[in-house]
Amino acid sequence: MERKNNSADHPPLPGFRPVPRTGVIYVMTEAGRLGFQTERQQWANLGQGAPETGPLPGSPQRLSDVHFSTDEHEYAPVVGLNELRDAVANLYNQRFRKGKASQYTRDNVAIASGGRLALTRLVSTIGKSNVGHFLPDYTAYEELLDSFGTFVPMPILSDAHEGFTLSAAELEREILGRGLSAVLLSNPCNPTGQLIRGETLQDWVGRARQLDCALIFDEFYSHYIYEDGLSYVSAAEYVEDVNRDPVIIFDGLTKNWRYPGFRVSWTVGPPSVIEAVA
């Protein structure tokens, strides 16, 4: 699809550069301009990955009202409300860290207004280094990583003939061969659907720990798994020390809890990372 360039009608201000829209944002903007509304049955949103936000058979009751006290209208901490940070930490501990000595606390959690903002905050803290990202993967990664001049984005091609998979040994070769300090990926992958799980995911986390390379997992689709009776997968299960292991996880209410309008996301990782993004 050819995208219209409106820079001639709206030239950037001095000192600013034109920022292209990602495919999803462009399509949704054009659809809205042409009359798209979710309640119009002649339209179907096939581009945004929009979840069903209404009731589903067997699902918990949907929120209908949110009440705020007067105090809650005051400025909230940039890192997020402690009650919500505690709830996120407890979620990961209950699902993935039962019986483990190292447990997540609020110090391992930062809240943000959506996944894009959370990832932008994190990427802005990366120093001079090489950062790997996979192709294909979520299209916004490439544009975001190219927006910062403090590090070098390095694409890692995944082969369709190999099922878009990469073994832990292959990951290690990429890290060592390219001198990577961090690797960003979605798991499950958007758009291929490839899932890193079980021993492979455990080996990935182990190699990252051994090689001191941060793995940044976008787990926004971690509940969208349709095999072997699994309900969800997270790299948090294979972290040994929540305060030291170089594993950072993003998730939020958008996909897995089906509340995209809330624009609530979280970052889970070592306290040094949380302090930097807050």
Protein backbone atom coordinates (compact mmCIF):
# COMPACT_ATOMS: atom_id res chain seq x y z
CA MET A 1 0.00 0.00 0.00
CA GLU A 2 1.39 3.39 -1.01
CA ARG A 3 1.35 5.88 1.81
CA LYS A 4 0.49 9.50 1.21
CA ASN A 5 3.15 12.00 2.16
CA ASN A 6 1.56 15.00 3.82
CA SER A 7 4.89 16.71 4.50
CA ALA A 8 4.24 19.21 1.68
CA ASP A 9 0.98 20.31 3.31
CA HIS A 10 2.41 20.23 6.83
CA PRO A 11 6.18 20.80 6.66
CA PRO A 12 8.09 20.01 9.87
CA LEU A 13 9.19 22.83 12.12
CA PRO A 14 12.86 23.82 12.08
CA GLY A 15 14.90 21.28 14.00
CA PHE A 16 12.29 18.53 13.64
CA ARG A 17 12.33 15.64 11.21
CA PRO A 18 9.28 14.08 9.52
CA VAL A 19 8.35 10.83 11.25
CA PRO A 20 6.67 8.22 9.02
CA ARG A 21 3.67 6.37 10.37
CA THR A 22 3.96 2.66 10.91
CA GLY A 23 1.74 0.47 8.75
CA VAL A 24 -0.85 -0.11 11.48
CA ILE A 25 -1.12 3.56 12.44
CA TYR A 26 -1.32 4.62 8.80
CA VAL A 27 -4.06 2.10 7.98
CA MET A 28 -6.11 3.01 11.06
CA THR A 29 -5.75 6.74 10.36
CA GLU A 30 -6.87 6.30 6.76
CA ALA A 31 -9.73 4.01 7.81
CA GLY A 32 -10.93 6.60 10.32
CA ARG A 33 -10.76 9.28 7.65
CA LEU A 34 -12.95 7.11 5.42
CA GLY A 35 -15.54 6.51 8.13
CA PHE A 36 -14.36 3.45 10.09
CA GLN A 37 -16.01 2.96 13.47
CA THR A 38 -15.95 -0.25 15.50
CA GLU A 39 -19.75 -0.37 15.77
CA ARG A 40 -20.24 -0.21 11.99
CA GLN A 41 -20.75 -3.78 10.83
CA GLN A 42 -19.73 -3.05 7.25
CA TRP A 43 -16.17 -2.50 8.55
CA ALA A 44 -13.80 -5.16 9.91
CA ASN A 45 -10.52 -4.28 11.64
CA LEU A 46 -8.03 -6.77 10.20
CA GLY A 47 -4.92 -4.66 10.70
CA GLN A 48 -4.61 -3.65 14.33
CA GLY A 49 -4.68 -6.96 16.17
CA ALA A 50 -7.67 -5.62 18.08
CA PRO A 51 -9.01 -8.11 20.66
CA GLU A 52 -12.68 -8.75 21.36
CA THR A 53 -13.41 -6.29 24.17
CA GLY A 54 -16.90 -7.54 24.99
CA PRO A 55 -18.00 -10.58 27.02
CA LEU A 56 -16.75 -14.02 25.98
CA PRO A 57 -18.15 -17.40 27.12
CA GLY A 58 -16.40 -18.49 30.32
CA SER A 59 -14.48 -15.24 30.73
CA PRO A 60 -14.48 -13.06 33.87
CA GLN A 61 -17.03 -10.29 34.05
CA ARG A 62 -15.90 -7.17 32.20
CA LEU A 63 -15.21 -3.91 34.02
CA SER A 64 -17.96 -1.36 33.59
CA ASP A 65 -17.13 1.33 36.15
CA VAL A 66 -13.93 2.69 37.67
CA HIS A 67 -14.25 4.93 40.73
CA PHE A 68 -11.59 7.37 41.91
CA SER A 69 -11.14 9.02 45.27
CA THR A 70 -10.15 12.68 45.53
CA ASP A 71 -6.58 11.69 46.42
CA GLU A 72 -6.32 9.65 43.22
CA HIS A 73 -6.68 12.82 41.15
CA GLU A 74 -3.30 13.99 42.43
CA TYR A 75 -0.04 13.39 40.56
CA ALA A 76 0.83 9.70 40.51
CA PRO A 77 4.41 8.40 40.63
CA VAL A 78 6.07 8.20 37.21
CA VAL A 79 6.96 4.58 37.93
CA GLY A 80 3.30 3.78 38.65
CA LEU A 81 1.10 3.24 41.69
CA ASN A 82 2.63 0.87 44.22
CA GLU A 83 -0.59 -1.14 44.43
CA LEU A 84 -0.48 -1.86 40.70
CA ARG A 85 3.25 -2.60 40.75
CA ASP A 86 2.67 -5.06 43.61
CA ALA A 87 -0.16 -6.71 41.66
CA VAL A 88 2.03 -7.16 38.57
CA ALA A 89 4.90 -8.59 40.63
CA ASN A 90 2.51 -11.00 42.37
CA LEU A 91 1.06 -12.09 39.02
CA TYR A 92 4.48 -13.20 37.75
CA ASN A 93 5.43 -14.81 41.05
CA GLN A 94 2.21 -16.83 41.21
CA ARG A 95 2.29 -17.94 37.59
CA PHE A 96 5.98 -18.49 36.96
CA ARG A 97 8.03 -18.40 40.17
CA LYS A 98 6.37 -20.69 42.69
CA GLY A 99 8.99 -22.36 44.87
CA LYS A 100 11.80 -20.13 43.60
CA ALA A 101 13.97 -18.22 46.07
CA SER A 102 14.11 -15.07 43.96
CA GLN A 103 10.76 -13.29 43.75
CA TYR A 104 9.66 -10.15 41.94
CA THR A 105 8.67 -7.10 44.00
CA ARG A 106 7.41 -3.65 43.10
CA ASP A 107 11.07 -2.66 42.63
CA ASN A 108 11.06 -4.88 39.52
CA VAL A 109 8.02 -3.21 37.93
CA ALA A 110 7.35 0.08 36.13
CA ILE A 111 3.95 1.11 34.75
CA ALA A 112 3.50 3.10 31.53
CA SER A 113 0.72 4.39 29.29
CA GLY A 114 0.94 1.65 26.68
CA GLY A 115 3.55 -0.68 25.26
CA ARG A 116 5.01 1.79 22.77
CA LEU A 117 5.76 4.31 25.53
CA ALA A 118 7.22 1.62 27.79
CA LEU A 119 9.53 0.39 25.04
CA THR A 120 10.52 3.93 24.05
CA ARG A 121 11.46 4.69 27.65
CA LEU A 122 13.61 1.58 27.82
CA VAL A 123 15.29 2.11 24.46
CA SER A 124 16.13 5.69 25.44
CA THR A 125 18.27 4.33 28.29
CA ILE A 126 20.43 2.03 26.11
CA GLY A 127 23.99 3.27 25.81
CA LYS A 128 26.59 2.90 23.06
CA SER A 129 26.19 -0.71 21.99
CA ASN A 130 24.86 -3.05 19.30
CA VAL A 131 21.19 -4.01 19.66
CA GLY A 132 19.80 -6.99 17.77
CA HIS A 133 16.24 -7.31 16.52
CA PHE A 134 14.64 -9.96 14.34
CA LEU A 135 13.21 -9.72 10.84
CA PRO A 136 10.36 -10.34 10.50
CA ASP A 137 9.02 -8.98 13.79
CA TYR A 138 6.74 -6.19 14.95
CA THR A 139 7.22 -3.44 12.38
CA ALA A 140 7.43 -0.61 14.93
CA TYR A 141 10.68 -1.99 16.38
CA GLU A 142 12.79 -1.10 13.38
CA GLU A 143 11.57 2.49 13.21
CA LEU A 144 11.91 2.95 16.98
CA LEU A 145 15.43 1.56 17.13
CA ASP A 146 16.49 3.78 14.23
CA SER A 147 15.31 6.88 16.12
CA PHE A 148 18.12 6.80 18.68
CA GLY A 149 21.73 7.51 17.83
CA THR A 150 23.31 6.09 20.98
CA PHE A 151 23.38 2.49 19.71
CA VAL A 152 23.52 0.53 16.47
CA PRO A 153 20.41 -1.52 15.52
CA MET A 154 21.41 -4.83 13.93
CA PRO A 155 18.72 -6.92 12.18
CA ILE A 156 18.83 -10.69 12.60
CA LEU A 157 17.13 -12.53 9.75
CA SER A 158 14.95 -15.50 10.65
CA ASP A 159 14.31 -18.00 7.85
CA ALA A 160 10.82 -19.14 6.89
CA HIS A 161 12.27 -22.48 5.76
CA GLU A 162 13.49 -23.00 9.33
CA GLY A 163 10.12 -22.06 10.78
CA PHE A 164 11.42 -18.65 11.86
CA THR A 165 13.21 -20.42 14.70
CA LEU A 166 16.61 -19.79 16.23
CA SER A 167 18.28 -22.22 18.60
CA ALA A 168 20.13 -21.06 21.70
CA ALA A 169 23.42 -21.95 20.00
CA GLU A 170 22.48 -19.81 16.98
CA LEU A 171 21.49 -16.98 19.31
CA GLU A 172 24.89 -17.23 20.98
CA ARG A 173 26.63 -17.00 17.61
CA GLU A 174 24.64 -13.87 16.76
CA ILE A 175 25.48 -12.27 20.11
CA LEU A 176 29.18 -13.04 19.89
CA GLY A 177 29.55 -12.48 16.15
CA ARG A 178 27.84 -9.09 16.18
CA GLY A 179 28.92 -7.98 19.64
CA LEU A 180 25.33 -7.56 20.80
CA SER A 181 24.57 -6.06 24.20
CA ALA A 182 20.80 -6.50 23.86
CA VAL A 183 18.27 -8.37 21.72
CA LEU A 184 14.65 -7.25 21.26
CA LEU A 185 11.91 -9.66 20.19
CA SER A 186 8.22 -10.42 20.54
CA ASN A 187 7.30 -13.82 21.97
CA PRO A 188 5.01 -15.15 20.55
CA CYS A 189 6.25 -13.37 17.46
CA ASN A 190 4.12 -10.76 15.77
CA PRO A 191 3.59 -11.51 12.85
CA THR A 192 4.88 -15.08 12.36
CA GLY A 193 3.30 -16.62 15.46
CA GLN A 194 6.54 -18.44 16.27
CA LEU A 195 6.74 -19.26 19.99
CA ILE A 196 9.95 -19.72 21.97
CA ARG A 197 9.06 -21.97 24.89
CA GLY A 198 10.21 -24.72 27.23
CA GLU A 199 13.83 -25.81 27.06
CA THR A 200 14.59 -23.49 24.15
CA LEU A 201 13.40 -20.45 26.10
CA GLN A 202 15.27 -21.66 29.16
CA ASP A 203 18.44 -22.02 27.07
CA TRP A 204 17.98 -18.53 25.62
CA VAL A 205 17.76 -17.02 29.10
CA GLY A 206 20.75 -19.09 30.22
CA ARG A 207 22.89 -17.92 27.27
CA ALA A 208 21.91 -14.30 27.92
CA ARG A 209 22.95 -14.67 31.55
CA GLN A 210 26.23 -16.32 30.57
CA LEU A 211 27.05 -13.78 27.84
CA ASP A 212 25.75 -10.73 29.74
CA CYS A 213 23.41 -9.79 26.90
CA ALA A 214 20.00 -8.32 27.76
CA LEU A 215 16.97 -10.08 26.30
CA ILE A 216 14.01 -7.72 25.88
CA PHE A 217 10.79 -9.75 25.52
CA ASP A 218 7.59 -8.21 24.21
CA GLU A 219 5.05 -10.64 25.69
CA PHE A 220 1.87 -8.79 24.73
CA TYR A 221 0.57 -11.91 22.95
CA SER A 222 1.71 -14.37 25.63
CA HIS A 223 -1.86 -15.63 26.22
CA TYR A 224 -2.49 -16.28 22.51
CA ILE A 225 -1.22 -19.86 22.48
CA TYR A 226 -3.15 -22.67 20.82
CA GLU A 227 -1.04 -25.77 21.36
CA ASP A 228 -0.39 -28.43 24.00
CA GLY A 229 -2.94 -27.01 26.41
CA LEU A 230 -0.68 -24.10 27.37
CA SER A 231 -2.35 -21.00 28.77
CA TYR A 232 0.60 -18.61 28.69
CA VAL A 233 4.38 -18.48 28.40
CA SER A 234 6.88 -16.04 29.90
CA ALA A 235 10.65 -15.76 30.13
CA ALA A 236 10.07 -14.90 33.81
CA GLU A 237 9.83 -18.64 34.49
CA TYR A 238 13.52 -19.14 33.68
CA VAL A 239 15.02 -16.11 35.43
CA GLU A 240 17.29 -17.20 38.29
CA ASP A 241 17.85 -13.84 40.00
CA VAL A 242 15.14 -11.27 39.33
CA ASN A 243 17.47 -8.46 40.41
CA ARG A 244 20.45 -9.42 38.27
CA ASP A 245 19.51 -11.58 35.28
CA PRO A 246 19.48 -9.53 32.03
CA VAL A 247 15.85 -10.29 31.17
CA ILE A 248 13.30 -7.51 30.62
CA ILE A 249 9.63 -8.21 29.92
CA PHE A 250 6.87 -6.01 28.50
CA ASP A 251 3.17 -6.76 28.74
CA GLY A 252 -0.06 -4.92 29.44
CA LEU A 253 -3.84 -4.97 29.50
CA THR A 254 -4.14 -4.42 25.74
CA LYS A 255 -4.20 -7.94 24.28
CA ASN A 256 -4.13 -10.54 27.05
CA TRP A 257 -6.75 -8.84 29.23
CA ARG A 258 -8.61 -7.29 26.27
CA TYR A 259 -8.62 -3.70 27.54
CA PRO A 260 -6.76 -1.83 24.77
CA GLY A 261 -8.48 1.45 25.59
CA PHE A 262 -6.88 1.56 29.04
CA ARG A 263 -3.39 1.99 27.53
CA VAL A 264 -1.81 0.35 30.59
CA SER A 265 1.44 -1.57 30.24
CA TRP A 266 4.27 -2.69 32.48
CA THR A 267 7.98 -3.34 32.34
CA VAL A 268 9.39 -6.15 34.49
CA GLY A 269 13.13 -6.43 35.05
CA PRO A 270 16.06 -5.74 37.37
CA PRO A 271 15.70 -2.66 39.64
CA SER A 272 18.52 -0.89 37.80
CA VAL A 273 16.39 -0.96 34.64
CA ILE A 274 13.23 0.14 36.46
CA GLU A 275 15.04 3.08 38.05
CA ALA A 276 16.34 4.15 34.63
CA VAL A 277 12.95 4.11 32.88
CA ALA A 278 11.20 5.88 35.77
